[in-house]
Amino acid sequence: MGDQAYKSMDIACDVLKRKSYHCIYYYLAQLSFFFISSFLLMWILYTPIVALTANGVLGVCLFFFVTNGAELAELLYISDEDAVDN
């Protein structure tokens, strides 16, 4: 069972790694659709000056979210070559 135990842990870690990638992809897709719908909804419901102001605020929030998220992902990412495997 010794060799099989290591293989089962590798399989479990690979599955969890794929699931974590899927979760982040779905989250980013949801966030993108939220911002697209918010940008469009402002132009439908409000006057142009209010829509432009609200879209500016949403754009700034999106910019900070993307830059901070990219920085955090760069700090936390561990490549497969750097990961320790026994």
N, C-alpha and C. Protein backbone atom coordinates (compact mmCIF):
# COMPACT_ATOMS: atom_id res chain seq x y z
N MET A 1 0.82 -1.19 0.00
CA MET A 1 0.00 0.00 0.00
C MET A 1 0.86 1.26 0.00
N GLY A 2 2.14 1.17 0.29
CA GLY A 2 2.99 2.34 0.40
C GLY A 2 3.06 3.15 -0.89
N ASP A 3 3.34 2.51 -2.01
CA ASP A 3 3.44 3.21 -3.28
C ASP A 3 2.07 3.73 -3.73
N GLN A 4 1.05 2.96 -3.47
CA GLN A 4 -0.31 3.36 -3.86
C GLN A 4 -0.76 4.60 -3.07
N ALA A 5 -0.32 4.72 -1.83
CA ALA A 5 -0.69 5.87 -1.01
C ALA A 5 -0.14 7.17 -1.61
N TYR A 6 1.09 7.14 -2.09
CA TYR A 6 1.66 8.33 -2.72
C TYR A 6 0.92 8.69 -4.00
N LYS A 7 0.57 7.68 -4.79
CA LYS A 7 -0.16 7.93 -6.04
C LYS A 7 -1.54 8.49 -5.76
N SER A 8 -2.21 7.99 -4.73
CA SER A 8 -3.56 8.49 -4.42
C SER A 8 -3.50 9.93 -3.96
N MET A 9 -2.46 10.30 -3.23
CA MET A 9 -2.32 11.70 -2.80
C MET A 9 -2.05 12.60 -4.01
N ASP A 10 -1.23 12.13 -4.95
CA ASP A 10 -0.97 12.90 -6.16
C ASP A 10 -2.24 13.10 -6.97
N ILE A 11 -3.03 12.04 -7.09
CA ILE A 11 -4.29 12.14 -7.82
C ILE A 11 -5.23 13.12 -7.13
N ALA A 12 -5.33 13.04 -5.81
CA ALA A 12 -6.21 13.94 -5.06
C ALA A 12 -5.75 15.39 -5.20
N CYS A 13 -4.45 15.62 -5.14
CA CYS A 13 -3.93 16.99 -5.28
C CYS A 13 -4.17 17.53 -6.68
N ASP A 14 -4.02 16.69 -7.69
CA ASP A 14 -4.29 17.12 -9.07
C ASP A 14 -5.75 17.50 -9.26
N VAL A 15 -6.65 16.70 -8.68
CA VAL A 15 -8.08 17.00 -8.78
C VAL A 15 -8.39 18.32 -8.08
N LEU A 16 -7.84 18.53 -6.89
CA LEU A 16 -8.07 19.78 -6.17
C LEU A 16 -7.49 20.98 -6.90
N LYS A 17 -6.35 20.78 -7.54
CA LYS A 17 -5.74 21.86 -8.31
C LYS A 17 -6.63 22.26 -9.49
N ARG A 18 -7.15 21.26 -10.20
CA ARG A 18 -8.06 21.55 -11.32
C ARG A 18 -9.33 22.23 -10.85
N LYS A 19 -9.86 21.78 -9.71
CA LYS A 19 -11.08 22.39 -9.17
C LYS A 19 -10.83 23.84 -8.76
N SER A 20 -9.66 24.12 -8.20
CA SER A 20 -9.37 25.49 -7.82
C SER A 20 -9.26 26.39 -9.05
N TYR A 21 -8.68 25.87 -10.14
CA TYR A 21 -8.63 26.64 -11.39
C TYR A 21 -10.03 26.89 -11.93
N HIS A 22 -10.88 25.88 -11.88
CA HIS A 22 -12.25 26.06 -12.36
C HIS A 22 -12.99 27.09 -11.53
N CYS A 23 -12.80 27.05 -10.22
CA CYS A 23 -13.47 28.02 -9.35
C CYS A 23 -13.04 29.45 -9.69
N ILE A 24 -11.76 29.68 -9.89
CA ILE A 24 -11.30 31.03 -10.20
C ILE A 24 -11.77 31.46 -11.57
N TYR A 25 -11.81 30.55 -12.54
CA TYR A 25 -12.32 30.91 -13.87
C TYR A 25 -13.80 31.28 -13.81
N TYR A 26 -14.60 30.51 -13.08
CA TYR A 26 -16.02 30.82 -12.96
C TYR A 26 -16.24 32.12 -12.21
N TYR A 27 -15.44 32.36 -11.19
CA TYR A 27 -15.55 33.60 -10.44
C TYR A 27 -15.22 34.80 -11.33
N LEU A 28 -14.16 34.70 -12.11
CA LEU A 28 -13.79 35.80 -12.99
C LEU A 28 -14.83 36.02 -14.09
N ALA A 29 -15.42 34.94 -14.58
CA ALA A 29 -16.50 35.08 -15.58
C ALA A 29 -17.71 35.76 -14.96
N GLN A 30 -18.07 35.37 -13.76
CA GLN A 30 -19.20 36.01 -13.06
C GLN A 30 -18.92 37.48 -12.81
N LEU A 31 -17.72 37.80 -12.39
CA LEU A 31 -17.36 39.19 -12.13
C LEU A 31 -17.38 40.00 -13.42
N SER A 32 -16.90 39.44 -14.50
CA SER A 32 -16.93 40.13 -15.78
C SER A 32 -18.36 40.41 -16.23
N PHE A 33 -19.23 39.41 -16.12
CA PHE A 33 -20.62 39.61 -16.51
C PHE A 33 -21.31 40.63 -15.61
N PHE A 34 -20.96 40.64 -14.33
CA PHE A 34 -21.52 41.63 -13.42
C PHE A 34 -21.15 43.04 -13.85
N PHE A 35 -19.88 43.26 -14.14
CA PHE A 35 -19.45 44.60 -14.53
C PHE A 35 -20.03 44.99 -15.88
N ILE A 36 -20.11 44.07 -16.82
CA ILE A 36 -20.70 44.39 -18.12
C ILE A 36 -22.16 44.78 -17.96
N SER A 37 -22.90 44.00 -17.17
CA SER A 37 -24.32 44.33 -16.97
C SER A 37 -24.49 45.63 -16.20
N SER A 38 -23.61 45.90 -15.25
CA SER A 38 -23.70 47.16 -14.50
C SER A 38 -23.41 48.35 -15.40
N PHE A 39 -22.38 48.23 -16.23
CA PHE A 39 -22.07 49.32 -17.16
C PHE A 39 -23.24 49.61 -18.09
N LEU A 40 -23.84 48.55 -18.63
CA LEU A 40 -24.95 48.73 -19.57
C LEU A 40 -26.21 49.22 -18.88
N LEU A 41 -26.47 48.72 -17.69
CA LEU A 41 -27.68 49.10 -16.97
C LEU A 41 -27.68 50.58 -16.60
N MET A 42 -26.52 51.12 -16.31
CA MET A 42 -26.44 52.54 -15.97
C MET A 42 -26.92 53.41 -17.14
N TRP A 43 -26.58 53.02 -18.36
CA TRP A 43 -26.98 53.83 -19.52
C TRP A 43 -28.47 53.71 -19.81
N ILE A 44 -29.06 52.59 -19.40
CA ILE A 44 -30.49 52.40 -19.64
C ILE A 44 -31.33 53.14 -18.61
N LEU A 45 -30.92 53.09 -17.35
CA LEU A 45 -31.76 53.60 -16.28
C LEU A 45 -31.53 55.07 -15.92
N TYR A 46 -30.36 55.60 -16.17
CA TYR A 46 -30.02 56.93 -15.66
C TYR A 46 -29.66 57.90 -16.78
N THR A 47 -29.56 59.15 -16.41
CA THR A 47 -29.15 60.18 -17.37
C THR A 47 -27.67 59.97 -17.71
N PRO A 48 -27.23 60.54 -18.83
CA PRO A 48 -25.84 60.29 -19.24
C PRO A 48 -24.79 60.73 -18.21
N ILE A 49 -25.00 61.82 -17.51
CA ILE A 49 -23.98 62.27 -16.54
C ILE A 49 -23.90 61.32 -15.35
N VAL A 50 -25.05 60.83 -14.89
CA VAL A 50 -25.06 59.86 -13.79
C VAL A 50 -24.45 58.54 -14.25
N ALA A 51 -24.81 58.11 -15.45
CA ALA A 51 -24.27 56.87 -15.98
C ALA A 51 -22.76 56.96 -16.17
N LEU A 52 -22.28 58.08 -16.67
CA LEU A 52 -20.84 58.26 -16.86
C LEU A 52 -20.11 58.26 -15.52
N THR A 53 -20.67 58.92 -14.52
CA THR A 53 -20.06 58.94 -13.19
C THR A 53 -20.05 57.55 -12.57
N ALA A 54 -21.18 56.86 -12.63
CA ALA A 54 -21.25 55.51 -12.05
C ALA A 54 -20.32 54.55 -12.78
N ASN A 55 -20.24 54.66 -14.10
CA ASN A 55 -19.33 53.80 -14.87
C ASN A 55 -17.88 54.12 -14.55
N GLY A 56 -17.59 55.39 -14.28
CA GLY A 56 -16.23 55.76 -13.87
C GLY A 56 -15.86 55.13 -12.54
N VAL A 57 -16.79 55.17 -11.60
CA VAL A 57 -16.54 54.56 -10.29
C VAL A 57 -16.39 53.04 -10.43
N LEU A 58 -17.27 52.43 -11.21
CA LEU A 58 -17.16 50.99 -11.44
C LEU A 58 -15.86 50.64 -12.16
N GLY A 59 -15.45 51.48 -13.09
CA GLY A 59 -14.20 51.24 -13.81
C GLY A 59 -12.99 51.32 -12.89
N VAL A 60 -12.99 52.29 -11.99
CA VAL A 60 -11.89 52.41 -11.03
C VAL A 60 -11.85 51.19 -10.11
N CYS A 61 -13.03 50.77 -9.63
CA CYS A 61 -13.09 49.57 -8.79
C CYS A 61 -12.60 48.35 -9.54
N LEU A 62 -12.98 48.21 -10.78
CA LEU A 62 -12.54 47.08 -11.60
C LEU A 62 -11.03 47.13 -11.81
N PHE A 63 -10.49 48.31 -12.05
CA PHE A 63 -9.05 48.46 -12.24
C PHE A 63 -8.30 48.02 -10.99
N PHE A 64 -8.73 48.50 -9.81
CA PHE A 64 -8.06 48.12 -8.57
C PHE A 64 -8.21 46.63 -8.29
N PHE A 65 -9.38 46.08 -8.60
CA PHE A 65 -9.57 44.66 -8.38
C PHE A 65 -8.63 43.84 -9.26
N VAL A 66 -8.51 44.21 -10.50
CA VAL A 66 -7.67 43.46 -11.43
C VAL A 66 -6.19 43.59 -11.05
N THR A 67 -5.74 44.80 -10.75
CA THR A 67 -4.32 44.98 -10.41
C THR A 67 -3.97 44.29 -9.09
N ASN A 68 -4.83 44.42 -8.09
CA ASN A 68 -4.55 43.75 -6.81
C ASN A 68 -4.65 42.24 -6.95
N GLY A 69 -5.61 41.77 -7.74
CA GLY A 69 -5.74 40.33 -7.95
C GLY A 69 -4.55 39.76 -8.69
N ALA A 70 -4.05 40.48 -9.68
CA ALA A 70 -2.87 40.00 -10.42
C ALA A 70 -1.64 39.97 -9.51
N GLU A 71 -1.50 40.98 -8.68
CA GLU A 71 -0.37 41.00 -7.75
C GLU A 71 -0.46 39.86 -6.74
N LEU A 72 -1.66 39.62 -6.23
CA LEU A 72 -1.85 38.54 -5.28
C LEU A 72 -1.60 37.17 -5.92
N ALA A 73 -2.10 37.00 -7.14
CA ALA A 73 -1.88 35.73 -7.84
C ALA A 73 -0.39 35.51 -8.10
N GLU A 74 0.34 36.57 -8.43
CA GLU A 74 1.78 36.45 -8.67
C GLU A 74 2.52 36.07 -7.39
N LEU A 75 2.08 36.62 -6.26
CA LEU A 75 2.74 36.31 -4.99
C LEU A 75 2.43 34.89 -4.51
N LEU A 76 1.23 34.40 -4.78
CA LEU A 76 0.83 33.10 -4.24
C LEU A 76 1.08 31.94 -5.18
N TYR A 77 1.37 32.20 -6.44
CA TYR A 77 1.52 31.12 -7.42
C TYR A 77 2.79 30.33 -7.17
N ILE A 78 2.66 29.02 -7.18
CA ILE A 78 3.81 28.12 -7.06
C ILE A 78 3.79 27.22 -8.29
N SER A 79 4.86 27.25 -9.06
CA SER A 79 4.92 26.42 -10.26
C SER A 79 5.13 24.96 -9.87
N ASP A 80 4.83 24.08 -10.80
CA ASP A 80 5.00 22.65 -10.54
C ASP A 80 6.46 22.28 -10.29
N GLU A 81 7.37 22.99 -10.93
CA GLU A 81 8.79 22.69 -10.74
C GLU A 81 9.27 23.06 -9.33
N ASP A 82 8.65 24.12 -8.75
CA ASP A 82 9.06 24.57 -7.42
C ASP A 82 8.37 23.80 -6.29
N ALA A 83 7.32 23.09 -6.62
CA ALA A 83 6.60 22.32 -5.61
C ALA A 83 7.44 21.11 -5.20
N VAL A 84 7.40 20.78 -3.94
CA VAL A 84 8.17 19.65 -3.42
C VAL A 84 7.32 18.40 -3.55
N ASP A 85 7.91 17.35 -4.12
CA ASP A 85 7.21 16.08 -4.28
C ASP A 85 8.12 14.97 -3.81
N ASN A 86 7.58 14.08 -2.97
CA ASN A 86 8.39 12.96 -2.46
C ASN A 86 8.12 11.75 -3.29
